[in-house]
Amino acid sequence: MANEERDLTSDVLRGRISDELFDALYRTERVALVRLALLVTGSRAAAEDVVQESFLRLRSTSTELTDPPRYLRRIVLNEARQLLRRREVERRHLPVGLEVVLPPEFDEMWKLLGELPEKRRVALVLRYYEDLPYTEIARLMDCREATARSLVHRGLKNLRRRLNANPD
């Protein structure tokens, strides 16, 4: 595996994405990327679409890559956030009285997580579901580490406040 990874990375550094590299990245990264997209978007179907689109974007890139998995994760986050922005625009234009019904497998935490502002939700998903350090969260979200810490802290504070407001 280490030799395969080194060979794949050297292919990327030379600026080409071979079929072997693409296949290996798909095999090793797809499941984790779908999970990340699912946690950000809240929809399995949307997560699959986001990851598929991300791999297509990777395939067409001419950028020289030094860390393909990180690059893919960044694409997935950008695609998922773009999807959330589109959903918000659509939601604002829904006729009054039209209610969106979530699937029953969503529990209260999913619902509360979905009500958070996008940046806080993404920061919490990266920290607690992806188990990433603050430095990596900051890198992925294009912000300072202190901002990433603040987003996680404020997101947790919002969740606690909403959980306490809805005692069942």
N, C-alpha and C. Protein backbone atom coordinates (compact mmCIF):
# COMPACT_ATOMS: atom_id res chain seq x y z
N MET A 1 0.83 -1.20 0.00
CA MET A 1 0.00 0.00 0.00
C MET A 1 0.86 1.26 0.00
N ALA A 2 1.94 1.28 0.78
CA ALA A 2 2.79 2.46 0.85
C ALA A 2 3.44 2.73 -0.50
N ASN A 3 3.92 1.67 -1.17
CA ASN A 3 4.51 1.85 -2.50
C ASN A 3 3.47 2.36 -3.49
N GLU A 4 2.26 1.77 -3.42
CA GLU A 4 1.19 2.20 -4.31
C GLU A 4 0.87 3.67 -4.09
N GLU A 5 0.79 4.07 -2.80
CA GLU A 5 0.48 5.47 -2.48
C GLU A 5 1.59 6.39 -2.98
N ARG A 6 2.86 6.00 -2.80
CA ARG A 6 3.98 6.82 -3.24
C ARG A 6 3.95 6.96 -4.77
N ASP A 7 3.68 5.85 -5.48
CA ASP A 7 3.60 5.90 -6.93
C ASP A 7 2.46 6.81 -7.39
N LEU A 8 1.33 6.72 -6.70
CA LEU A 8 0.18 7.54 -7.07
C LEU A 8 0.48 9.01 -6.83
N THR A 9 1.13 9.31 -5.71
CA THR A 9 1.46 10.69 -5.39
C THR A 9 2.46 11.23 -6.41
N SER A 10 3.42 10.44 -6.82
CA SER A 10 4.38 10.91 -7.81
C SER A 10 3.70 11.17 -9.15
N ASP A 11 2.68 10.36 -9.52
CA ASP A 11 1.90 10.63 -10.73
C ASP A 11 1.24 12.00 -10.63
N VAL A 12 0.67 12.27 -9.45
CA VAL A 12 -0.02 13.54 -9.26
C VAL A 12 0.96 14.70 -9.33
N LEU A 13 2.12 14.54 -8.71
CA LEU A 13 3.11 15.61 -8.72
C LEU A 13 3.58 15.93 -10.14
N ARG A 14 3.56 14.94 -11.00
CA ARG A 14 3.94 15.18 -12.39
C ARG A 14 2.79 15.80 -13.17
N GLY A 15 1.67 16.05 -12.52
CA GLY A 15 0.58 16.76 -13.15
C GLY A 15 -0.36 15.91 -13.98
N ARG A 16 -0.33 14.61 -13.79
CA ARG A 16 -1.25 13.78 -14.55
C ARG A 16 -2.06 12.93 -13.59
N ILE A 17 -3.27 12.68 -13.97
CA ILE A 17 -4.13 11.80 -13.18
C ILE A 17 -4.39 10.57 -14.03
N SER A 18 -3.64 9.55 -13.77
CA SER A 18 -3.76 8.32 -14.55
C SER A 18 -5.03 7.58 -14.14
N ASP A 19 -5.40 6.63 -14.97
CA ASP A 19 -6.55 5.80 -14.63
C ASP A 19 -6.32 5.05 -13.33
N GLU A 20 -5.09 4.59 -13.12
CA GLU A 20 -4.76 3.84 -11.90
C GLU A 20 -4.88 4.74 -10.67
N LEU A 21 -4.38 5.96 -10.78
CA LEU A 21 -4.47 6.90 -9.67
C LEU A 21 -5.93 7.21 -9.36
N PHE A 22 -6.68 7.48 -10.40
CA PHE A 22 -8.08 7.81 -10.21
C PHE A 22 -8.83 6.66 -9.55
N ASP A 23 -8.61 5.45 -10.04
CA ASP A 23 -9.26 4.26 -9.46
C ASP A 23 -8.86 4.06 -8.00
N ALA A 24 -7.58 4.23 -7.71
CA ALA A 24 -7.10 4.05 -6.34
C ALA A 24 -7.70 5.09 -5.41
N LEU A 25 -7.74 6.33 -5.85
CA LEU A 25 -8.35 7.38 -5.03
C LEU A 25 -9.82 7.09 -4.78
N TYR A 26 -10.50 6.63 -5.81
CA TYR A 26 -11.91 6.31 -5.68
C TYR A 26 -12.11 5.20 -4.66
N ARG A 27 -11.31 4.15 -4.76
CA ARG A 27 -11.43 3.02 -3.82
C ARG A 27 -11.11 3.42 -2.39
N THR A 28 -10.09 4.23 -2.20
CA THR A 28 -9.65 4.54 -0.83
C THR A 28 -10.38 5.71 -0.19
N GLU A 29 -10.90 6.64 -0.98
CA GLU A 29 -11.46 7.87 -0.40
C GLU A 29 -12.97 7.99 -0.50
N ARG A 30 -13.62 7.26 -1.39
CA ARG A 30 -15.03 7.46 -1.66
C ARG A 30 -15.92 7.36 -0.42
N VAL A 31 -15.77 6.31 0.36
CA VAL A 31 -16.66 6.09 1.51
C VAL A 31 -16.54 7.25 2.51
N ALA A 32 -15.33 7.65 2.83
CA ALA A 32 -15.14 8.75 3.77
C ALA A 32 -15.70 10.06 3.21
N LEU A 33 -15.55 10.28 1.92
CA LEU A 33 -16.06 11.50 1.31
C LEU A 33 -17.59 11.52 1.28
N VAL A 34 -18.20 10.38 1.02
CA VAL A 34 -19.67 10.31 1.05
C VAL A 34 -20.16 10.60 2.48
N ARG A 35 -19.48 10.04 3.48
CA ARG A 35 -19.86 10.31 4.87
C ARG A 35 -19.75 11.80 5.19
N LEU A 36 -18.65 12.42 4.77
CA LEU A 36 -18.48 13.85 5.00
C LEU A 36 -19.60 14.63 4.32
N ALA A 37 -19.88 14.33 3.07
CA ALA A 37 -20.93 15.05 2.34
C ALA A 37 -22.30 14.80 2.98
N LEU A 38 -22.55 13.59 3.44
CA LEU A 38 -23.82 13.28 4.11
C LEU A 38 -23.99 14.11 5.37
N LEU A 39 -22.93 14.22 6.14
CA LEU A 39 -23.01 14.98 7.38
C LEU A 39 -23.21 16.47 7.13
N VAL A 40 -22.67 16.97 6.04
CA VAL A 40 -22.83 18.39 5.72
C VAL A 40 -24.20 18.65 5.10
N THR A 41 -24.64 17.79 4.18
CA THR A 41 -25.88 18.05 3.44
C THR A 41 -27.11 17.46 4.11
N GLY A 42 -26.93 16.38 4.88
CA GLY A 42 -28.07 15.73 5.53
C GLY A 42 -28.85 14.80 4.63
N SER A 43 -28.33 14.53 3.44
CA SER A 43 -29.05 13.70 2.48
C SER A 43 -28.08 12.71 1.83
N ARG A 44 -28.43 11.44 1.88
CA ARG A 44 -27.58 10.40 1.27
C ARG A 44 -27.50 10.60 -0.25
N ALA A 45 -28.62 10.87 -0.87
CA ALA A 45 -28.62 11.06 -2.33
C ALA A 45 -27.78 12.28 -2.72
N ALA A 46 -27.94 13.36 -1.98
CA ALA A 46 -27.16 14.57 -2.27
C ALA A 46 -25.67 14.31 -2.04
N ALA A 47 -25.36 13.56 -0.99
CA ALA A 47 -23.96 13.23 -0.69
C ALA A 47 -23.33 12.44 -1.83
N GLU A 48 -24.05 11.45 -2.33
CA GLU A 48 -23.55 10.66 -3.45
C GLU A 48 -23.31 11.55 -4.67
N ASP A 49 -24.25 12.44 -4.94
CA ASP A 49 -24.11 13.35 -6.09
C ASP A 49 -22.91 14.27 -5.92
N VAL A 50 -22.74 14.80 -4.71
CA VAL A 50 -21.63 15.71 -4.43
C VAL A 50 -20.30 14.99 -4.65
N VAL A 51 -20.18 13.78 -4.15
CA VAL A 51 -18.92 13.04 -4.30
C VAL A 51 -18.68 12.68 -5.77
N GLN A 52 -19.72 12.28 -6.46
CA GLN A 52 -19.57 11.97 -7.89
C GLN A 52 -19.08 13.19 -8.65
N GLU A 53 -19.70 14.32 -8.39
CA GLU A 53 -19.30 15.56 -9.05
C GLU A 53 -17.86 15.93 -8.69
N SER A 54 -17.47 15.69 -7.45
CA SER A 54 -16.12 16.00 -7.00
C SER A 54 -15.08 15.16 -7.73
N PHE A 55 -15.37 13.88 -7.90
CA PHE A 55 -14.44 13.03 -8.64
C PHE A 55 -14.36 13.45 -10.11
N LEU A 56 -15.47 13.87 -10.68
CA LEU A 56 -15.44 14.36 -12.06
C LEU A 56 -14.60 15.63 -12.17
N ARG A 57 -14.73 16.50 -11.18
CA ARG A 57 -13.92 17.73 -11.19
C ARG A 57 -12.44 17.40 -11.03
N LEU A 58 -12.14 16.42 -10.17
CA LEU A 58 -10.75 16.00 -10.01
C LEU A 58 -10.19 15.47 -11.33
N ARG A 59 -10.99 14.67 -12.00
CA ARG A 59 -10.55 14.05 -13.26
C ARG A 59 -10.22 15.10 -14.31
N SER A 60 -10.93 16.21 -14.30
CA SER A 60 -10.72 17.22 -15.33
C SER A 60 -9.72 18.31 -14.91
N THR A 61 -9.14 18.19 -13.72
CA THR A 61 -8.24 19.24 -13.26
C THR A 61 -6.90 19.17 -13.98
N SER A 62 -6.33 20.33 -14.17
CA SER A 62 -4.98 20.39 -14.74
C SER A 62 -4.00 20.89 -13.68
N THR A 63 -4.49 21.09 -12.48
CA THR A 63 -3.68 21.57 -11.36
C THR A 63 -2.73 20.47 -10.91
N GLU A 64 -1.50 20.85 -10.60
CA GLU A 64 -0.57 19.89 -10.03
C GLU A 64 -0.90 19.74 -8.55
N LEU A 65 -1.11 18.51 -8.13
CA LEU A 65 -1.56 18.24 -6.77
C LEU A 65 -0.44 17.67 -5.92
N THR A 66 -0.38 18.10 -4.67
CA THR A 66 0.59 17.51 -3.75
C THR A 66 -0.08 16.57 -2.76
N ASP A 67 -1.37 16.75 -2.56
CA ASP A 67 -2.10 15.90 -1.60
C ASP A 67 -3.50 15.63 -2.16
N PRO A 68 -3.62 14.62 -3.01
CA PRO A 68 -4.91 14.35 -3.67
C PRO A 68 -6.08 14.14 -2.71
N PRO A 69 -5.93 13.38 -1.60
CA PRO A 69 -7.08 13.21 -0.70
C PRO A 69 -7.56 14.55 -0.11
N ARG A 70 -6.63 15.41 0.25
CA ARG A 70 -7.01 16.72 0.79
C ARG A 70 -7.71 17.55 -0.28
N TYR A 71 -7.20 17.50 -1.49
CA TYR A 71 -7.80 18.23 -2.59
C TYR A 71 -9.23 17.74 -2.83
N LEU A 72 -9.42 16.44 -2.82
CA LEU A 72 -10.76 15.88 -2.99
C LEU A 72 -11.69 16.30 -1.86
N ARG A 73 -11.21 16.27 -0.63
CA ARG A 73 -12.03 16.68 0.51
C ARG A 73 -12.45 18.13 0.35
N ARG A 74 -11.53 18.96 -0.13
CA ARG A 74 -11.83 20.37 -0.34
C ARG A 74 -12.92 20.53 -1.40
N ILE A 75 -12.80 19.77 -2.49
CA ILE A 75 -13.82 19.83 -3.55
C ILE A 75 -15.18 19.40 -2.99
N VAL A 76 -15.19 18.31 -2.21
CA VAL A 76 -16.45 17.81 -1.63
C VAL A 76 -17.07 18.88 -0.73
N LEU A 77 -16.27 19.49 0.12
CA LEU A 77 -16.81 20.55 0.99
C LEU A 77 -17.37 21.71 0.17
N ASN A 78 -16.63 22.13 -0.83
CA ASN A 78 -17.11 23.24 -1.67
C ASN A 78 -18.41 22.87 -2.38
N GLU A 79 -18.48 21.66 -2.92
CA GLU A 79 -19.70 21.22 -3.62
C GLU A 79 -20.88 21.11 -2.63
N ALA A 80 -20.62 20.57 -1.44
CA ALA A 80 -21.69 20.43 -0.44
C ALA A 80 -22.18 21.79 0.01
N ARG A 81 -21.27 22.71 0.23
CA ARG A 81 -21.67 24.06 0.66
C ARG A 81 -22.44 24.77 -0.45
N GLN A 82 -22.03 24.57 -1.70
CA GLN A 82 -22.76 25.15 -2.83
C GLN A 82 -24.18 24.58 -2.88
N LEU A 83 -24.32 23.29 -2.64
CA LEU A 83 -25.64 22.66 -2.61
C LEU A 83 -26.50 23.27 -1.50
N LEU A 84 -25.91 23.49 -0.33
CA LEU A 84 -26.66 24.09 0.78
C LEU A 84 -27.12 25.51 0.43
N ARG A 85 -26.26 26.25 -0.24
CA ARG A 85 -26.65 27.61 -0.65
C ARG A 85 -27.80 27.56 -1.65
N ARG A 86 -27.73 26.62 -2.60
CA ARG A 86 -28.83 26.47 -3.57
C ARG A 86 -30.13 26.10 -2.86
N ARG A 87 -30.04 25.18 -1.90
CA ARG A 87 -31.23 24.78 -1.14
C ARG A 87 -31.84 25.97 -0.41
N GLU A 88 -30.98 26.80 0.16
CA GLU A 88 -31.48 27.96 0.91
C GLU A 88 -32.21 28.93 -0.03
N VAL A 89 -31.67 29.14 -1.21
CA VAL A 89 -32.33 30.00 -2.20
C VAL A 89 -33.67 29.39 -2.59
N GLU A 90 -33.68 28.08 -2.83
CA GLU A 90 -34.94 27.42 -3.18
C GLU A 90 -35.95 27.53 -2.05
N ARG A 91 -35.49 27.34 -0.83
CA ARG A 91 -36.37 27.41 0.33
C ARG A 91 -37.00 28.80 0.47
N ARG A 92 -36.21 29.84 0.18
CA ARG A 92 -36.75 31.20 0.27
C ARG A 92 -37.83 31.46 -0.77
N HIS A 93 -37.78 30.70 -1.84
CA HIS A 93 -38.75 30.91 -2.91
C HIS A 93 -39.88 29.89 -2.91
N LEU A 94 -39.96 29.06 -1.89
CA LEU A 94 -41.07 28.11 -1.77
C LEU A 94 -42.36 28.87 -1.46
N PRO A 95 -43.47 28.42 -1.98
CA PRO A 95 -44.74 29.05 -1.62
C PRO A 95 -44.99 28.90 -0.12
N VAL A 96 -45.62 29.91 0.46
CA VAL A 96 -45.93 29.90 1.88
C VAL A 96 -46.86 28.73 2.17
N GLY A 97 -46.59 28.02 3.25
CA GLY A 97 -47.43 26.90 3.64
C GLY A 97 -46.94 25.56 3.13
N LEU A 98 -45.96 25.56 2.20
CA LEU A 98 -45.42 24.31 1.71
C LEU A 98 -44.33 23.86 2.68
N GLU A 99 -44.54 22.73 3.32
CA GLU A 99 -43.64 22.26 4.36
C GLU A 99 -42.78 21.11 3.84
N VAL A 100 -41.50 21.16 4.17
CA VAL A 100 -40.57 20.10 3.80
C VAL A 100 -40.62 19.04 4.89
N VAL A 101 -40.81 17.79 4.51
CA VAL A 101 -40.88 16.70 5.47
C VAL A 101 -39.58 15.90 5.37
N LEU A 102 -38.91 15.75 6.51
CA LEU A 102 -37.65 15.00 6.55
C LEU A 102 -37.93 13.52 6.74
N PRO A 103 -37.05 12.66 6.23
CA PRO A 103 -37.21 11.23 6.45
C PRO A 103 -37.18 10.90 7.94
N PRO A 104 -37.87 9.83 8.36
CA PRO A 104 -37.97 9.51 9.78
C PRO A 104 -36.66 9.12 10.43
N GLU A 105 -35.64 8.73 9.64
CA GLU A 105 -34.39 8.33 10.28
C GLU A 105 -33.58 9.50 10.85
N PHE A 106 -34.01 10.71 10.56
CA PHE A 106 -33.33 11.86 11.13
C PHE A 106 -33.79 12.05 12.56
N ASP A 107 -32.85 12.06 13.46
CA ASP A 107 -33.20 12.27 14.86
C ASP A 107 -33.11 13.75 15.20
N GLU A 108 -33.31 14.05 16.44
CA GLU A 108 -33.32 15.45 16.87
C GLU A 108 -31.98 16.15 16.60
N MET A 109 -30.87 15.42 16.78
CA MET A 109 -29.56 16.05 16.57
C MET A 109 -29.38 16.44 15.11
N TRP A 110 -29.80 15.59 14.18
CA TRP A 110 -29.73 15.94 12.77
C TRP A 110 -30.53 17.20 12.49
N LYS A 111 -31.72 17.25 13.07
CA LYS A 111 -32.59 18.40 12.87
C LYS A 111 -31.92 19.67 13.40
N LEU A 112 -31.39 19.58 14.61
CA LEU A 112 -30.73 20.73 15.22
C LEU A 112 -29.48 21.13 14.45
N LEU A 113 -28.73 20.15 14.02
CA LEU A 113 -27.52 20.42 13.25
C LEU A 113 -27.88 21.14 11.94
N GLY A 114 -28.96 20.73 11.34
CA GLY A 114 -29.40 21.35 10.10
C GLY A 114 -29.88 22.77 10.27
N GLU A 115 -30.27 23.16 11.49
CA GLU A 115 -30.74 24.52 11.75
C GLU A 115 -29.60 25.50 12.01
N LEU A 116 -28.40 24.98 12.22
CA LEU A 116 -27.26 25.86 12.49
C LEU A 116 -26.85 26.59 11.23
N PRO A 117 -26.22 27.75 11.40
CA PRO A 117 -25.65 28.43 10.24
C PRO A 117 -24.63 27.51 9.55
N GLU A 118 -24.52 27.63 8.26
CA GLU A 118 -23.70 26.73 7.46
C GLU A 118 -22.27 26.57 7.98
N LYS A 119 -21.59 27.66 8.26
CA LYS A 119 -20.19 27.58 8.69
C LYS A 119 -20.05 26.83 10.01
N ARG A 120 -20.96 27.06 10.92
CA ARG A 120 -20.90 26.36 12.21
C ARG A 120 -21.17 24.88 12.03
N ARG A 121 -22.15 24.56 11.20
CA ARG A 121 -22.48 23.15 10.93
C ARG A 121 -21.28 22.43 10.30
N VAL A 122 -20.67 23.06 9.31
CA VAL A 122 -19.51 22.45 8.64
C VAL A 122 -18.37 22.27 9.62
N ALA A 123 -18.11 23.27 10.45
CA ALA A 123 -17.03 23.18 11.44
C ALA A 123 -17.28 22.04 12.43
N LEU A 124 -18.52 21.90 12.90
CA LEU A 124 -18.84 20.81 13.83
C LEU A 124 -18.70 19.45 13.16
N VAL A 125 -19.14 19.33 11.93
CA VAL A 125 -19.03 18.05 11.21
C VAL A 125 -17.55 17.69 11.04
N LEU A 126 -16.74 18.65 10.64
CA LEU A 126 -15.32 18.36 10.45
C LEU A 126 -14.64 18.00 11.77
N ARG A 127 -15.02 18.66 12.84
CA ARG A 127 -14.38 18.42 14.13
C ARG A 127 -14.82 17.10 14.76
N TYR A 128 -16.13 16.87 14.83
CA TYR A 128 -16.63 15.74 15.61
C TYR A 128 -17.00 14.50 14.79
N TYR A 129 -17.31 14.67 13.53
CA TYR A 129 -17.62 13.50 12.71
C TYR A 129 -16.40 13.05 11.90
N GLU A 130 -15.63 14.01 11.43
CA GLU A 130 -14.42 13.68 10.68
C GLU A 130 -13.20 13.63 11.59
N ASP A 131 -13.33 14.11 12.83
CA ASP A 131 -12.27 14.06 13.83
C ASP A 131 -10.99 14.77 13.36
N LEU A 132 -11.18 15.92 12.73
CA LEU A 132 -10.04 16.67 12.21
C LEU A 132 -9.55 17.68 13.25
N PRO A 133 -8.25 17.96 13.26
CA PRO A 133 -7.73 19.00 14.14
C PRO A 133 -8.14 20.38 13.62
N TYR A 134 -8.08 21.36 14.50
CA TYR A 134 -8.50 22.71 14.13
C TYR A 134 -7.66 23.27 12.97
N THR A 135 -6.39 22.92 12.92
CA THR A 135 -5.57 23.44 11.82
C THR A 135 -6.09 22.96 10.47
N GLU A 136 -6.51 21.69 10.39
CA GLU A 136 -7.03 21.15 9.14
C GLU A 136 -8.41 21.75 8.83
N ILE A 137 -9.22 21.94 9.85
CA ILE A 137 -10.54 22.56 9.65
C ILE A 137 -10.35 23.96 9.08
N ALA A 138 -9.42 24.70 9.65
CA ALA A 138 -9.15 26.06 9.17
C ALA A 138 -8.70 26.03 7.71
N ARG A 139 -7.83 25.09 7.38
CA ARG A 139 -7.34 24.98 6.02
C ARG A 139 -8.48 24.66 5.05
N LEU A 140 -9.34 23.74 5.44
CA LEU A 140 -10.44 23.34 4.56
C LEU A 140 -11.51 24.43 4.41
N MET A 141 -11.69 25.20 5.48
CA MET A 141 -12.73 26.23 5.44
C MET A 141 -12.19 27.60 5.03
N ASP A 142 -10.91 27.66 4.72
CA ASP A 142 -10.28 28.91 4.30
C ASP A 142 -10.42 30.00 5.36
N CYS A 143 -10.04 29.67 6.59
CA CYS A 143 -10.10 30.65 7.66
C CYS A 143 -8.93 30.42 8.60
N ARG A 144 -8.79 31.27 9.58
CA ARG A 144 -7.73 31.11 10.59
C ARG A 144 -8.14 30.01 11.56
N GLU A 145 -7.15 29.45 12.24
CA GLU A 145 -7.42 28.39 13.22
C GLU A 145 -8.32 28.93 14.34
N ALA A 146 -8.08 30.16 14.77
CA ALA A 146 -8.91 30.75 15.83
C ALA A 146 -10.36 30.86 15.39
N THR A 147 -10.57 31.16 14.12
CA THR A 147 -11.94 31.23 13.59
C THR A 147 -12.59 29.86 13.60
N ALA A 148 -11.83 28.84 13.23
CA ALA A 148 -12.35 27.47 13.24
C ALA A 148 -12.76 27.08 14.67
N ARG A 149 -11.91 27.40 15.63
CA ARG A 149 -12.22 27.10 17.04
C ARG A 149 -13.49 27.83 17.48
N SER A 150 -13.59 29.08 17.08
CA SER A 150 -14.75 29.88 17.44
C SER A 150 -16.03 29.32 16.81
N LEU A 151 -15.95 28.91 15.56
CA LEU A 151 -17.13 28.33 14.89
C LEU A 151 -17.59 27.05 15.59
N VAL A 152 -16.65 26.20 15.99
CA VAL A 152 -17.00 24.98 16.70
C VAL A 152 -17.61 25.33 18.06
N HIS A 153 -16.96 26.25 18.77
CA HIS A 153 -17.46 26.64 20.10
C HIS A 153 -18.87 27.22 20.01
N ARG A 154 -19.08 28.12 19.06
CA ARG A 154 -20.41 28.74 18.92
C ARG A 154 -21.46 27.74 18.44
N GLY A 155 -21.04 26.82 17.57
CA GLY A 155 -21.96 25.78 17.11
C GLY A 155 -22.42 24.90 18.26
N LEU A 156 -21.47 24.49 19.12
CA LEU A 156 -21.82 23.68 20.29
C LEU A 156 -22.74 24.46 21.24
N LYS A 157 -22.44 25.74 21.41
CA LYS A 157 -23.26 26.58 22.28
C LYS A 157 -24.70 26.66 21.74
N ASN A 158 -24.84 26.82 20.42
CA ASN A 158 -26.17 26.85 19.80
C ASN A 158 -26.90 25.53 20.01
N LEU A 159 -26.19 24.42 19.81
CA LEU A 159 -26.81 23.11 19.98
C LEU A 159 -27.28 22.90 21.42
N ARG A 160 -26.43 23.26 22.39
CA ARG A 160 -26.80 23.12 23.80
C ARG A 160 -28.04 23.95 24.13
N ARG A 161 -28.06 25.17 23.65
CA ARG A 161 -29.17 26.06 23.92
C ARG A 161 -30.46 25.49 23.32
N ARG A 162 -30.38 24.97 22.12
CA ARG A 162 -31.58 24.41 21.48
C ARG A 162 -32.02 23.10 22.12
N LEU A 163 -31.06 22.29 22.56
CA LEU A 163 -31.41 21.06 23.26
C LEU A 163 -32.09 21.36 24.59
N ASN A 164 -31.60 22.37 25.31
CA ASN A 164 -32.21 22.76 26.58
C ASN A 164 -33.57 23.40 26.41
N ALA A 165 -33.78 24.03 25.25
CA ALA A 165 -35.07 24.67 24.99
C ALA A 165 -36.14 23.65 24.62
N ASN A 166 -35.71 22.44 24.20
CA ASN A 166 -36.65 21.39 23.79
C ASN A 166 -36.52 20.16 24.67
N PRO A 167 -36.74 20.27 25.99
CA PRO A 167 -36.60 19.07 26.83
C PRO A 167 -37.77 18.13 26.60
N ASP A 168 -37.42 16.89 26.22
CA ASP A 168 -38.48 15.88 25.97
C ASP A 168 -38.43 14.79 27.00
